[in-house]
Each structure stands twice: as structure tokens, then as C-alpha cells.
Amino acid sequence: MKTYLVKTELAIPISLDEAWDFFSSPLNLAKITPKEISFVVTSDQTPETKYIRV
């Protein structure tokens, strides 16, 4: 059985901090999840919630 590796890169016009803020918020999961999955956020998180980057 052969093993394949698919590698891709995407340049986005924002800073690392802006990207981190977006992807670290559970409120944005619905925005990046395919619509056919019907993902719904049920937590009480607020947009102001910040997560610490380690």
C-alpha cells in the first residue's frame, strides 16, 4: 500500500494574532464548518472571550 502526502499552503492578508483570535474562538466554529454538517454553537461564550496562546 502506498502512502501519499498532500501539502498545501494558504497566504491570508492578516496578522498571526488576528488569525489566532479567529481560530481560538469557539464562536467561529460554525463559520468554518461545512453547512451540511449543521453545526451549532451551544456554549455561553462571548465574542470577547480570549484564549491564551502557548
C-alpha atoms as a PDB file:
ATOM      1  CA  MET A   1       0.000   0.000   0.000  1.00  0.00           C
ATOM      2  CA  LYS A   2       1.406   3.379  -0.999  1.00  0.00           C
ATOM      3  CA  THR A   3       1.391   6.342   1.355  1.00  0.00           C
ATOM      4  CA  TYR A   4       0.708   9.787  -0.058  1.00  0.00           C
ATOM      5  CA  LEU A   5       1.299  13.198   1.457  1.00  0.00           C
ATOM      6  CA  VAL A   6      -0.755  16.192   0.392  1.00  0.00           C
ATOM      7  CA  LYS A   7       0.648  19.523   1.473  1.00  0.00           C
ATOM      8  CA  THR A   8      -0.871  22.933   0.857  1.00  0.00           C
ATOM      9  CA  GLU A   9      -0.324  26.497   1.972  1.00  0.00           C
ATOM     10  CA  LEU A  10      -2.607  29.495   2.016  1.00  0.00           C
ATOM     11  CA  ALA A  11      -1.467  33.081   2.409  1.00  0.00           C
ATOM     12  CA  ILE A  12      -4.033  35.260   4.137  1.00  0.00           C
ATOM     13  CA  PRO A  13      -3.812  39.047   4.402  1.00  0.00           C
ATOM     14  CA  ILE A  14      -3.981  39.209   8.209  1.00  0.00           C
ATOM     15  CA  SER A  15      -1.505  39.001  11.058  1.00  0.00           C
ATOM     16  CA  LEU A  16      -0.815  35.865  13.067  1.00  0.00           C
ATOM     17  CA  ASP A  17      -2.547  37.491  16.072  1.00  0.00           C
ATOM     18  CA  GLU A  18      -5.708  38.161  14.045  1.00  0.00           C
ATOM     19  CA  ALA A  19      -5.739  34.592  12.736  1.00  0.00           C
ATOM     20  CA  TRP A  20      -5.189  33.237  16.253  1.00  0.00           C
ATOM     21  CA  ASP A  21      -8.088  35.334  17.612  1.00  0.00           C
ATOM     22  CA  PHE A  22     -10.407  33.976  14.926  1.00  0.00           C
ATOM     23  CA  PHE A  23      -9.482  30.291  15.194  1.00  0.00           C
ATOM     24  CA  SER A  24      -9.278  30.248  19.005  1.00  0.00           C
ATOM     25  CA  SER A  25     -12.878  31.364  19.443  1.00  0.00           C
ATOM     26  CA  PRO A  26     -15.450  28.553  19.604  1.00  0.00           C
ATOM     27  CA  LEU A  27     -17.989  31.016  18.214  1.00  0.00           C
ATOM     28  CA  ASN A  28     -16.217  30.849  14.841  1.00  0.00           C
ATOM     29  CA  LEU A  29     -16.517  27.068  14.542  1.00  0.00           C
ATOM     30  CA  ALA A  30     -19.896  27.418  12.833  1.00  0.00           C
ATOM     31  CA  LYS A  31     -18.321  29.803  10.286  1.00  0.00           C
ATOM     32  CA  ILE A  32     -15.619  27.324   9.240  1.00  0.00           C
ATOM     33  CA  THR A  33     -17.672  24.113   9.453  1.00  0.00           C
ATOM     34  CA  PRO A  34     -19.355  22.907   6.226  1.00  0.00           C
ATOM     35  CA  LYS A  35     -23.057  23.875   6.156  1.00  0.00           C
ATOM     36  CA  GLU A  36     -24.200  20.284   5.502  1.00  0.00           C
ATOM     37  CA  ILE A  37     -22.961  19.302   8.980  1.00  0.00           C
ATOM     38  CA  SER A  38     -25.488  21.719  10.592  1.00  0.00           C
ATOM     39  CA  PHE A  39     -23.046  22.633  13.364  1.00  0.00           C
ATOM     40  CA  VAL A  40     -24.482  24.818  16.132  1.00  0.00           C
ATOM     41  CA  VAL A  41     -22.585  26.505  18.986  1.00  0.00           C
ATOM     42  CA  THR A  42     -24.396  25.888  22.274  1.00  0.00           C
ATOM     43  CA  SER A  43     -21.923  27.372  24.759  1.00  0.00           C
ATOM     44  CA  ASP A  44     -22.302  30.659  26.577  1.00  0.00           C
ATOM     45  CA  GLN A  45     -19.040  32.025  25.163  1.00  0.00           C
ATOM     46  CA  THR A  46     -18.966  35.686  24.208  1.00  0.00           C
ATOM     47  CA  PRO A  47     -17.050  37.271  21.322  1.00  0.00           C
ATOM     48  CA  GLU A  48     -14.830  38.983  23.916  1.00  0.00           C
ATOM     49  CA  THR A  49     -13.550  35.641  25.252  1.00  0.00           C
ATOM     50  CA  LYS A  50      -9.819  35.361  24.653  1.00  0.00           C
ATOM     51  CA  TYR A  51      -7.664  32.258  24.820  1.00  0.00           C
ATOM     52  CA  ILE A  52      -4.003  32.292  25.696  1.00  0.00           C
ATOM     53  CA  ARG A  53      -1.581  31.190  23.009  1.00  0.00           C
ATOM     54  CA  VAL A  54       1.034  28.812  24.424  1.00  0.00           C
END
